[in-house]
Amino acid sequence: MDAVTTEHPTEHPTDATPTPPPAPRWRRYVAIGDSFTEGLWDRETPGSDACRGWADRLAEHLDARTPGGVEYANLAVRGRLLGPILTDQLPAALDLEPDLVSIVGGGNDILRPGVDVDRLAARLENAVARVRETGADVLLATGVDADGSALLRLTRPRVATFNAHVWSIARRHGAHVLDQWGMRFIKDWRFWDVDRLHLTSEGHRRVAEAALEALGLEPTDVTWDVPLDALTPEAWSVRARENAVWMRQHALPWVQRRLTGRSSGDGRTPKRPTAGPLGPDPR
């Protein structure tokens, strides 16, 4: 009997077409919070009080990837405690009918020695549940690990406790988390402005990339968390000289405001109170 031969069809290689990353599903993004979300000190122009910030940059990324663009509002005001953020800004945000809300606050509360972190977290969870009931997604953020700061290191246990709550809240309600505690680059003082409480423009740019990842999207810069080269001895000498200037120009005025009950945000209003197409800070 003749041997039976089985012929296999010729396999023709095909050009592999990469699958495009998924487009964002959000069409209206509203950000609420304090100075971090307002964008201090990611200035639009040198010397200007108009700030851009990570939330504005995130909105720009979403807008560029979304057919037809996204609408964006930023209700954050510098110096705000979590209470006013949730009682004043959150209702206004929900009135705009967003499908994505970032709620980042509590940092100013944690700087106060008598803060009840568990009570703070309970208020945050109620707010997250309220937003999720509307069908909108929520982006939260952990606090920064201030181990390298001689002054802010004192708040580290409170920040760590609050962060644990944030992760639990996110799990229970299906929220996204921007993990600042785990960022490597952010521990480098070169990403912080002269007041040492707010990020530089490059710091805000990198946080916006991290926010994309937190939302399940591809960052435009996959190296966003790569640290800078090590500091030279000369740079550390400059830092030491800057410490005295920082204490006089920033730390002492901050303490005085706390003692007198004043805030850097007194009399200020949100920079983007209505949702609309992207553009420069309208103030």
C-alpha atoms as a PDB file:
ATOM      1  CA  MET A   1       0.000   0.000   0.000  1.00  0.00           C
ATOM      2  CA  ASP A   2       1.311   3.369  -0.957  1.00  0.00           C
ATOM      3  CA  ALA A   3       2.316   5.533   1.920  1.00  0.00           C
ATOM      4  CA  VAL A   4      -0.182   8.200   2.692  1.00  0.00           C
ATOM      5  CA  THR A   5       1.274  11.659   2.772  1.00  0.00           C
ATOM      6  CA  THR A   6      -0.477  14.481   4.450  1.00  0.00           C
ATOM      7  CA  GLU A   7       0.130  17.877   2.993  1.00  0.00           C
ATOM      8  CA  HIS A   8      -0.098  20.814   5.286  1.00  0.00           C
ATOM      9  CA  PRO A   9      -1.320  24.054   3.809  1.00  0.00           C
ATOM     10  CA  THR A  10       1.399  26.579   3.360  1.00  0.00           C
ATOM     11  CA  GLU A  11       1.422  28.996   6.248  1.00  0.00           C
ATOM     12  CA  HIS A  12       1.680  32.564   5.068  1.00  0.00           C
ATOM     13  CA  PRO A  13       2.996  34.944   7.682  1.00  0.00           C
ATOM     14  CA  THR A  14       0.824  37.968   8.231  1.00  0.00           C
ATOM     15  CA  ASP A  15       1.871  41.383   9.347  1.00  0.00           C
ATOM     16  CA  ALA A  16       1.042  41.665  13.013  1.00  0.00           C
ATOM     17  CA  THR A  17      -1.023  44.779  13.563  1.00  0.00           C
ATOM     18  CA  PRO A  18      -0.617  46.009  17.119  1.00  0.00           C
ATOM     19  CA  THR A  19      -3.834  46.394  18.998  1.00  0.00           C
ATOM     20  CA  PRO A  20      -4.405  50.064  19.717  1.00  0.00           C
ATOM     21  CA  PRO A  21      -4.727  50.935  23.386  1.00  0.00           C
ATOM     22  CA  PRO A  22      -8.297  51.325  24.554  1.00  0.00           C
ATOM     23  CA  ALA A  23      -9.732  54.826  24.367  1.00  0.00           C
ATOM     24  CA  PRO A  24     -10.859  56.404  27.630  1.00  0.00           C
ATOM     25  CA  ARG A  25     -14.532  55.823  28.357  1.00  0.00           C
ATOM     26  CA  TRP A  26     -15.079  59.146  30.090  1.00  0.00           C
ATOM     27  CA  ARG A  27     -16.553  62.247  28.498  1.00  0.00           C
ATOM     28  CA  ARG A  28     -16.798  64.619  31.465  1.00  0.00           C
ATOM     29  CA  TYR A  29     -14.123  64.783  34.156  1.00  0.00           C
ATOM     30  CA  VAL A  30     -14.466  66.919  37.298  1.00  0.00           C
ATOM     31  CA  ALA A  31     -11.612  67.343  39.802  1.00  0.00           C
ATOM     32  CA  ILE A  32     -12.138  68.415  43.417  1.00  0.00           C
ATOM     33  CA  GLY A  33      -9.601  68.926  46.166  1.00  0.00           C
ATOM     34  CA  ASP A  34      -7.016  71.326  47.544  1.00  0.00           C
ATOM     35  CA  SER A  35      -3.810  72.941  46.271  1.00  0.00           C
ATOM     36  CA  PHE A  36      -2.475  69.675  44.871  1.00  0.00           C
ATOM     37  CA  THR A  37      -5.398  69.399  42.449  1.00  0.00           C
ATOM     38  CA  GLU A  38      -5.546  73.146  41.825  1.00  0.00           C
ATOM     39  CA  GLY A  39      -2.012  72.691  40.530  1.00  0.00           C
ATOM     40  CA  LEU A  40       0.337  74.708  42.747  1.00  0.00           C
ATOM     41  CA  TRP A  41       3.037  75.512  41.517  1.00  0.00           C
ATOM     42  CA  ASP A  42       2.759  74.309  37.937  1.00  0.00           C
ATOM     43  CA  ARG A  43       2.506  77.860  36.642  1.00  0.00           C
ATOM     44  CA  GLU A  44       1.002  78.640  33.230  1.00  0.00           C
ATOM     45  CA  THR A  45       3.654  81.362  32.798  1.00  0.00           C
ATOM     46  CA  PRO A  46       6.588  82.359  35.058  1.00  0.00           C
ATOM     47  CA  GLY A  47       5.376  84.496  37.946  1.00  0.00           C
ATOM     48  CA  SER A  48       1.714  83.824  37.166  1.00  0.00           C
ATOM     49  CA  ASP A  49      -0.804  82.764  39.792  1.00  0.00           C
ATOM     50  CA  ALA A  50      -2.651  80.700  37.169  1.00  0.00           C
ATOM     51  CA  CYS A  51      -1.690  77.057  37.614  1.00  0.00           C
ATOM     52  CA  ARG A  52      -1.997  74.010  35.390  1.00  0.00           C
ATOM     53  CA  GLY A  53      -1.335  70.940  37.561  1.00  0.00           C
ATOM     54  CA  TRP A  54      -1.639  67.176  37.289  1.00  0.00           C
ATOM     55  CA  ALA A  55      -5.448  67.156  36.981  1.00  0.00           C
ATOM     56  CA  ASP A  56      -5.378  69.617  34.079  1.00  0.00           C
ATOM     57  CA  ARG A  57      -2.655  67.545  32.453  1.00  0.00           C
ATOM     58  CA  LEU A  58      -4.666  64.352  32.972  1.00  0.00           C
ATOM     59  CA  ALA A  59      -7.670  66.012  31.343  1.00  0.00           C
ATOM     60  CA  GLU A  60      -5.477  66.944  28.385  1.00  0.00           C
ATOM     61  CA  HIS A  61      -4.358  63.323  28.004  1.00  0.00           C
ATOM     62  CA  LEU A  62      -7.957  62.087  28.144  1.00  0.00           C
ATOM     63  CA  ASP A  63      -9.062  64.747  25.677  1.00  0.00           C
ATOM     64  CA  ALA A  64      -6.352  63.804  23.175  1.00  0.00           C
ATOM     65  CA  ARG A  65      -7.376  60.129  23.286  1.00  0.00           C
ATOM     66  CA  THR A  66     -11.141  60.561  23.201  1.00  0.00           C
ATOM     67  CA  PRO A  67     -12.993  61.041  19.896  1.00  0.00           C
ATOM     68  CA  GLY A  68     -14.868  64.297  20.273  1.00  0.00           C
ATOM     69  CA  GLY A  69     -12.816  65.261  23.318  1.00  0.00           C
ATOM     70  CA  VAL A  70     -13.788  65.535  26.975  1.00  0.00           C
ATOM     71  CA  GLU A  71     -15.300  68.272  29.075  1.00  0.00           C
ATOM     72  CA  TYR A  72     -13.410  69.261  32.209  1.00  0.00           C
ATOM     73  CA  ALA A  73     -13.990  71.240  35.398  1.00  0.00           C
ATOM     74  CA  ASN A  74     -11.606  71.824  38.302  1.00  0.00           C
ATOM     75  CA  LEU A  75     -13.249  72.971  41.533  1.00  0.00           C
ATOM     76  CA  ALA A  76     -10.179  72.559  43.760  1.00  0.00           C
ATOM     77  CA  VAL A  77      -9.069  75.460  45.953  1.00  0.00           C
ATOM     78  CA  ARG A  78      -5.764  75.706  47.783  1.00  0.00           C
ATOM     79  CA  GLY A  79      -5.759  75.315  51.548  1.00  0.00           C
ATOM     80  CA  ARG A  80      -9.085  73.495  51.737  1.00  0.00           C
ATOM     81  CA  LEU A  81      -9.692  70.864  54.408  1.00  0.00           C
ATOM     82  CA  LEU A  82     -11.513  67.671  53.482  1.00  0.00           C
ATOM     83  CA  GLY A  83     -14.753  68.867  55.091  1.00  0.00           C
ATOM     84  CA  PRO A  84     -15.224  71.895  52.810  1.00  0.00           C
ATOM     85  CA  ILE A  85     -14.086  69.851  49.819  1.00  0.00           C
ATOM     86  CA  LEU A  86     -16.903  67.380  50.427  1.00  0.00           C
ATOM     87  CA  THR A  87     -19.587  69.823  51.549  1.00  0.00           C
ATOM     88  CA  ASP A  88     -18.928  72.596  49.016  1.00  0.00           C
ATOM     89  CA  GLN A  89     -17.110  71.161  46.028  1.00  0.00           C
ATOM     90  CA  LEU A  90     -18.662  67.689  45.798  1.00  0.00           C
ATOM     91  CA  PRO A  91     -22.304  68.805  45.378  1.00  0.00           C
ATOM     92  CA  ALA A  92     -21.206  71.308  42.739  1.00  0.00           C
ATOM     93  CA  ALA A  93     -19.250  68.562  40.987  1.00  0.00           C
ATOM     94  CA  LEU A  94     -22.239  66.192  40.942  1.00  0.00           C
ATOM     95  CA  ASP A  95     -24.439  68.960  39.535  1.00  0.00           C
ATOM     96  CA  LEU A  96     -22.165  68.878  36.466  1.00  0.00           C
ATOM     97  CA  GLU A  97     -23.102  65.217  35.896  1.00  0.00           C
ATOM     98  CA  PRO A  98     -19.548  63.872  35.439  1.00  0.00           C
ATOM     99  CA  ASP A  99     -18.644  60.297  34.580  1.00  0.00           C
ATOM    100  CA  LEU A 100     -15.222  60.641  36.257  1.00  0.00           C
ATOM    101  CA  VAL A 101     -14.494  62.476  39.516  1.00  0.00           C
ATOM    102  CA  SER A 102     -11.120  62.767  41.229  1.00  0.00           C
ATOM    103  CA  ILE A 103     -11.374  63.331  44.985  1.00  0.00           C
ATOM    104  CA  VAL A 104      -8.011  64.177  46.511  1.00  0.00           C
ATOM    105  CA  GLY A 105      -7.985  65.770  49.947  1.00  0.00           C
ATOM    106  CA  GLY A 106      -7.156  65.280  53.579  1.00  0.00           C
ATOM    107  CA  GLY A 107      -3.538  66.388  53.402  1.00  0.00           C
ATOM    108  CA  ASN A 108      -4.232  69.725  55.092  1.00  0.00           C
ATOM    109  CA  ASP A 109      -6.187  67.930  57.815  1.00  0.00           C
ATOM    110  CA  ILE A 110      -3.370  65.457  58.453  1.00  0.00           C
ATOM    111  CA  LEU A 111      -0.935  68.325  59.016  1.00  0.00           C
ATOM    112  CA  ARG A 112      -2.991  69.273  62.077  1.00  0.00           C
ATOM    113  CA  PRO A 113      -1.921  67.375  65.228  1.00  0.00           C
ATOM    114  CA  GLY A 114      -5.442  66.735  66.532  1.00  0.00           C
ATOM    115  CA  VAL A 115      -6.840  65.137  63.385  1.00  0.00           C
ATOM    116  CA  ASP A 116      -8.964  61.989  63.690  1.00  0.00           C
ATOM    117  CA  VAL A 117      -7.767  60.015  60.671  1.00  0.00           C
ATOM    118  CA  ASP A 118     -10.437  57.326  61.010  1.00  0.00           C
ATOM    119  CA  ARG A 119     -13.206  59.941  61.025  1.00  0.00           C
ATOM    120  CA  LEU A 120     -11.559  61.626  58.041  1.00  0.00           C
ATOM    121  CA  ALA A 121     -11.583  58.344  56.124  1.00  0.00           C
ATOM    122  CA  ALA A 122     -15.223  57.695  57.017  1.00  0.00           C
ATOM    123  CA  ARG A 123     -16.215  61.029  55.477  1.00  0.00           C
ATOM    124  CA  LEU A 124     -14.214  60.222  52.378  1.00  0.00           C
ATOM    125  CA  GLU A 125     -15.891  56.832  52.033  1.00  0.00           C
ATOM    126  CA  ASN A 126     -19.350  58.389  52.255  1.00  0.00           C
ATOM    127  CA  ALA A 127     -18.366  60.770  49.461  1.00  0.00           C
ATOM    128  CA  VAL A 128     -17.030  57.977  47.261  1.00  0.00           C
ATOM    129  CA  ALA A 129     -20.222  55.965  47.770  1.00  0.00           C
ATOM    130  CA  ARG A 130     -22.271  59.020  46.838  1.00  0.00           C
ATOM    131  CA  VAL A 131     -20.387  59.484  43.570  1.00  0.00           C
ATOM    132  CA  ARG A 132     -20.478  55.789  42.693  1.00  0.00           C
ATOM    133  CA  GLU A 133     -24.255  55.752  43.149  1.00  0.00           C
ATOM    134  CA  THR A 134     -24.476  58.120  40.168  1.00  0.00           C
ATOM    135  CA  GLY A 135     -22.571  55.629  38.006  1.00  0.00           C
ATOM    136  CA  ALA A 136     -19.468  57.835  37.787  1.00  0.00           C
ATOM    137  CA  ASP A 137     -15.960  56.473  38.338  1.00  0.00           C
ATOM    138  CA  VAL A 138     -13.787  57.823  41.146  1.00  0.00           C
ATOM    139  CA  LEU A 139     -10.046  58.479  41.286  1.00  0.00           C
ATOM    140  CA  LEU A 140      -8.543  58.735  44.780  1.00  0.00           C
ATOM    141  CA  ALA A 141      -4.938  59.338  45.843  1.00  0.00           C
ATOM    142  CA  THR A 142      -2.736  58.243  48.692  1.00  0.00           C
ATOM    143  CA  GLY A 143      -0.543  60.685  50.553  1.00  0.00           C
ATOM    144  CA  VAL A 144       3.165  61.054  49.879  1.00  0.00           C
ATOM    145  CA  ASP A 145       5.767  59.272  51.991  1.00  0.00           C
ATOM    146  CA  ALA A 146       7.505  62.210  53.695  1.00  0.00           C
ATOM    147  CA  ASP A 147      10.276  60.142  55.250  1.00  0.00           C
ATOM    148  CA  GLY A 148      12.890  62.447  53.737  1.00  0.00           C
ATOM    149  CA  SER A 149      11.444  65.622  55.280  1.00  0.00           C
ATOM    150  CA  ALA A 150      12.626  66.570  58.742  1.00  0.00           C
ATOM    151  CA  LEU A 151       9.364  68.430  59.428  1.00  0.00           C
ATOM    152  CA  LEU A 152       6.701  66.433  57.584  1.00  0.00           C
ATOM    153  CA  ARG A 153       8.167  63.100  58.731  1.00  0.00           C
ATOM    154  CA  LEU A 154       6.209  63.639  61.949  1.00  0.00           C
ATOM    155  CA  THR A 155       2.970  63.092  60.005  1.00  0.00           C
ATOM    156  CA  ARG A 156       4.130  59.808  58.454  1.00  0.00           C
ATOM    157  CA  PRO A 157       2.147  57.469  60.755  1.00  0.00           C
ATOM    158  CA  ARG A 158      -1.062  59.442  60.145  1.00  0.00           C
ATOM    159  CA  VAL A 159      -0.501  59.465  56.386  1.00  0.00           C
ATOM    160  CA  ALA A 160       0.153  55.712  56.378  1.00  0.00           C
ATOM    161  CA  THR A 161      -3.078  55.061  58.296  1.00  0.00           C
ATOM    162  CA  PHE A 162      -5.059  57.283  55.947  1.00  0.00           C
ATOM    163  CA  ASN A 163      -3.516  55.522  52.935  1.00  0.00           C
ATOM    164  CA  ALA A 164      -4.616  52.133  54.273  1.00  0.00           C
ATOM    165  CA  HIS A 165      -8.147  53.499  54.471  1.00  0.00           C
ATOM    166  CA  VAL A 166      -7.920  54.826  50.900  1.00  0.00           C
ATOM    167  CA  TRP A 167      -7.011  51.399  49.525  1.00  0.00           C
ATOM    168  CA  SER A 168      -9.824  49.751  51.481  1.00  0.00           C
ATOM    169  CA  ILE A 169     -12.343  52.356  50.328  1.00  0.00           C
ATOM    170  CA  ALA A 170     -11.261  51.822  46.741  1.00  0.00           C
ATOM    171  CA  ARG A 171     -11.663  48.059  47.036  1.00  0.00           C
ATOM    172  CA  ARG A 172     -15.114  48.302  48.556  1.00  0.00           C
ATOM    173  CA  HIS A 173     -16.444  50.783  46.013  1.00  0.00           C
ATOM    174  CA  GLY A 174     -14.518  49.985  42.857  1.00  0.00           C
ATOM    175  CA  ALA A 175     -12.512  53.227  42.794  1.00  0.00           C
ATOM    176  CA  HIS A 176      -9.119  53.871  41.197  1.00  0.00           C
ATOM    177  CA  VAL A 177      -6.096  54.888  43.294  1.00  0.00           C
ATOM    178  CA  LEU A 178      -3.233  57.199  42.395  1.00  0.00           C
ATOM    179  CA  ASP A 179      -0.482  55.738  44.591  1.00  0.00           C
ATOM    180  CA  GLN A 180       1.764  58.663  45.534  1.00  0.00           C
ATOM    181  CA  TRP A 181       3.222  56.782  48.504  1.00  0.00           C
ATOM    182  CA  GLY A 182       4.748  54.221  46.143  1.00  0.00           C
ATOM    183  CA  MET A 183       6.265  56.700  43.671  1.00  0.00           C
ATOM    184  CA  ARG A 184      10.040  56.649  43.569  1.00  0.00           C
ATOM    185  CA  PHE A 185      10.642  59.955  41.814  1.00  0.00           C
ATOM    186  CA  ILE A 186       8.508  61.971  44.213  1.00  0.00           C
ATOM    187  CA  LYS A 187      10.932  61.441  47.112  1.00  0.00           C
ATOM    188  CA  ASP A 188      13.538  63.556  45.303  1.00  0.00           C
ATOM    189  CA  TRP A 189      13.359  67.174  46.523  1.00  0.00           C
ATOM    190  CA  ARG A 190      14.198  68.392  43.004  1.00  0.00           C
ATOM    191  CA  PHE A 191      10.569  67.664  42.048  1.00  0.00           C
ATOM    192  CA  TRP A 192       9.272  69.979  44.771  1.00  0.00           C
ATOM    193  CA  ASP A 193       8.846  73.741  44.594  1.00  0.00           C
ATOM    194  CA  VAL A 194      10.652  76.100  46.947  1.00  0.00           C
ATOM    195  CA  ASP A 195       7.874  75.854  49.567  1.00  0.00           C
ATOM    196  CA  ARG A 196       8.541  72.065  49.760  1.00  0.00           C
ATOM    197  CA  LEU A 197       4.811  71.389  49.952  1.00  0.00           C
ATOM    198  CA  HIS A 198       3.912  71.549  46.267  1.00  0.00           C
ATOM    199  CA  LEU A 199       5.315  69.919  43.161  1.00  0.00           C
ATOM    200  CA  THR A 200       7.190  71.561  40.321  1.00  0.00           C
ATOM    201  CA  SER A 201       5.833  71.423  36.772  1.00  0.00           C
ATOM    202  CA  GLU A 202       7.867  68.279  36.105  1.00  0.00           C
ATOM    203  CA  GLY A 203       6.457  66.705  39.246  1.00  0.00           C
ATOM    204  CA  HIS A 204       2.897  67.451  38.130  1.00  0.00           C
ATOM    205  CA  ARG A 205       3.669  66.076  34.665  1.00  0.00           C
ATOM    206  CA  ARG A 206       4.825  62.779  36.137  1.00  0.00           C
ATOM    207  CA  VAL A 207       1.839  62.522  38.475  1.00  0.00           C
ATOM    208  CA  ALA A 208      -0.480  62.935  35.472  1.00  0.00           C
ATOM    209  CA  GLU A 209       1.263  59.981  33.835  1.00  0.00           C
ATOM    210  CA  ALA A 210       0.760  57.979  37.031  1.00  0.00           C
ATOM    211  CA  ALA A 211      -2.924  58.944  37.003  1.00  0.00           C
ATOM    212  CA  LEU A 212      -3.287  57.464  33.523  1.00  0.00           C
ATOM    213  CA  GLU A 213      -1.901  54.173  34.828  1.00  0.00           C
ATOM    214  CA  ALA A 214      -4.190  54.340  37.853  1.00  0.00           C
ATOM    215  CA  LEU A 215      -7.148  54.605  35.478  1.00  0.00           C
ATOM    216  CA  GLY A 216      -5.984  51.546  33.549  1.00  0.00           C
ATOM    217  CA  LEU A 217      -4.606  53.512  30.595  1.00  0.00           C
ATOM    218  CA  GLU A 218      -1.177  53.502  28.971  1.00  0.00           C
ATOM    219  CA  PRO A 219       1.014  56.428  30.046  1.00  0.00           C
ATOM    220  CA  THR A 220       2.504  58.530  27.288  1.00  0.00           C
ATOM    221  CA  ASP A 221       5.844  58.335  29.104  1.00  0.00           C
ATOM    222  CA  VAL A 222       6.560  54.861  30.455  1.00  0.00           C
ATOM    223  CA  THR A 223       9.635  56.206  32.272  1.00  0.00           C
ATOM    224  CA  TRP A 224       7.629  58.621  34.420  1.00  0.00           C
ATOM    225  CA  ASP A 225       8.740  57.014  37.704  1.00  0.00           C
ATOM    226  CA  VAL A 226      12.424  56.645  36.854  1.00  0.00           C
ATOM    227  CA  PRO A 227      14.450  58.626  39.432  1.00  0.00           C
ATOM    228  CA  LEU A 228      16.911  61.328  38.465  1.00  0.00           C
ATOM    229  CA  ASP A 229      20.656  60.809  38.672  1.00  0.00           C
ATOM    230  CA  ALA A 230      22.121  60.907  42.168  1.00  0.00           C
ATOM    231  CA  LEU A 231      22.742  64.308  43.695  1.00  0.00           C
ATOM    232  CA  THR A 232      26.265  65.682  43.760  1.00  0.00           C
ATOM    233  CA  PRO A 233      27.890  66.877  47.007  1.00  0.00           C
ATOM    234  CA  GLU A 234      27.635  70.424  45.643  1.00  0.00           C
ATOM    235  CA  ALA A 235      23.870  70.056  45.233  1.00  0.00           C
ATOM    236  CA  TRP A 236      23.524  68.917  48.827  1.00  0.00           C
ATOM    237  CA  SER A 237      25.512  71.967  49.948  1.00  0.00           C
ATOM    238  CA  VAL A 238      23.118  74.237  48.080  1.00  0.00           C
ATOM    239  CA  ARG A 239      20.200  72.427  49.704  1.00  0.00           C
ATOM    240  CA  ALA A 240      21.628  73.057  53.162  1.00  0.00           C
ATOM    241  CA  ARG A 241      21.917  76.792  52.468  1.00  0.00           C
ATOM    242  CA  GLU A 242      18.350  76.851  51.187  1.00  0.00           C
ATOM    243  CA  ASN A 243      17.036  75.413  54.439  1.00  0.00           C
ATOM    244  CA  ALA A 244      17.357  78.709  56.316  1.00  0.00           C
ATOM    245  CA  VAL A 245      15.619  80.609  53.522  1.00  0.00           C
ATOM    246  CA  TRP A 246      12.818  78.046  53.443  1.00  0.00           C
ATOM    247  CA  MET A 247      12.278  78.303  57.196  1.00  0.00           C
ATOM    248  CA  ARG A 248      11.987  82.094  57.053  1.00  0.00           C
ATOM    249  CA  GLN A 249       9.972  82.522  53.855  1.00  0.00           C
ATOM    250  CA  HIS A 250       7.696  79.473  53.864  1.00  0.00           C
ATOM    251  CA  ALA A 251       7.630  77.412  57.066  1.00  0.00           C
ATOM    252  CA  LEU A 252       7.112  80.267  59.545  1.00  0.00           C
ATOM    253  CA  PRO A 253       4.350  81.998  57.497  1.00  0.00           C
ATOM    254  CA  TRP A 254       2.608  78.623  57.165  1.00  0.00           C
ATOM    255  CA  VAL A 255       2.695  78.109  60.945  1.00  0.00           C
ATOM    256  CA  GLN A 256       1.394  81.648  61.508  1.00  0.00           C
ATOM    257  CA  ARG A 257      -1.577  81.006  59.227  1.00  0.00           C
ATOM    258  CA  ARG A 258      -2.386  77.835  61.156  1.00  0.00           C
ATOM    259  CA  LEU A 259      -2.230  79.685  64.501  1.00  0.00           C
ATOM    260  CA  THR A 260      -4.504  82.482  63.294  1.00  0.00           C
ATOM    261  CA  GLY A 261      -6.981  80.228  61.494  1.00  0.00           C
ATOM    262  CA  ARG A 262      -6.196  81.711  58.096  1.00  0.00           C
ATOM    263  CA  SER A 263      -5.751  79.784  54.832  1.00  0.00           C
ATOM    264  CA  SER A 264      -3.898  80.453  51.595  1.00  0.00           C
ATOM    265  CA  GLY A 265      -7.232  79.858  49.854  1.00  0.00           C
ATOM    266  CA  ASP A 266      -9.238  82.482  51.729  1.00  0.00           C
ATOM    267  CA  GLY A 267     -11.319  84.450  49.245  1.00  0.00           C
ATOM    268  CA  ARG A 268     -10.405  82.230  46.311  1.00  0.00           C
ATOM    269  CA  THR A 269     -12.856  80.561  43.951  1.00  0.00           C
ATOM    270  CA  PRO A 270     -12.414  77.499  41.691  1.00  0.00           C
ATOM    271  CA  LYS A 271     -10.448  78.135  38.528  1.00  0.00           C
ATOM    272  CA  ARG A 272     -12.750  76.024  36.310  1.00  0.00           C
ATOM    273  CA  PRO A 273     -16.210  76.026  37.927  1.00  0.00           C
ATOM    274  CA  THR A 274     -18.059  74.727  34.871  1.00  0.00           C
ATOM    275  CA  ALA A 275     -17.394  71.725  32.646  1.00  0.00           C
ATOM    276  CA  GLY A 276     -16.319  72.582  29.158  1.00  0.00           C
ATOM    277  CA  PRO A 277     -13.677  72.098  26.478  1.00  0.00           C
ATOM    278  CA  LEU A 278     -10.069  72.423  27.545  1.00  0.00           C
ATOM    279  CA  GLY A 279      -8.294  75.723  27.442  1.00  0.00           C
ATOM    280  CA  PRO A 280      -6.049  77.951  29.608  1.00  0.00           C
ATOM    281  CA  ASP A 281      -6.931  78.824  33.195  1.00  0.00           C
ATOM    282  CA  PRO A 282      -9.804  81.286  32.642  1.00  0.00           C
ATOM    283  CA  ARG A 283      -8.845  83.525  35.587  1.00  0.00           C
END
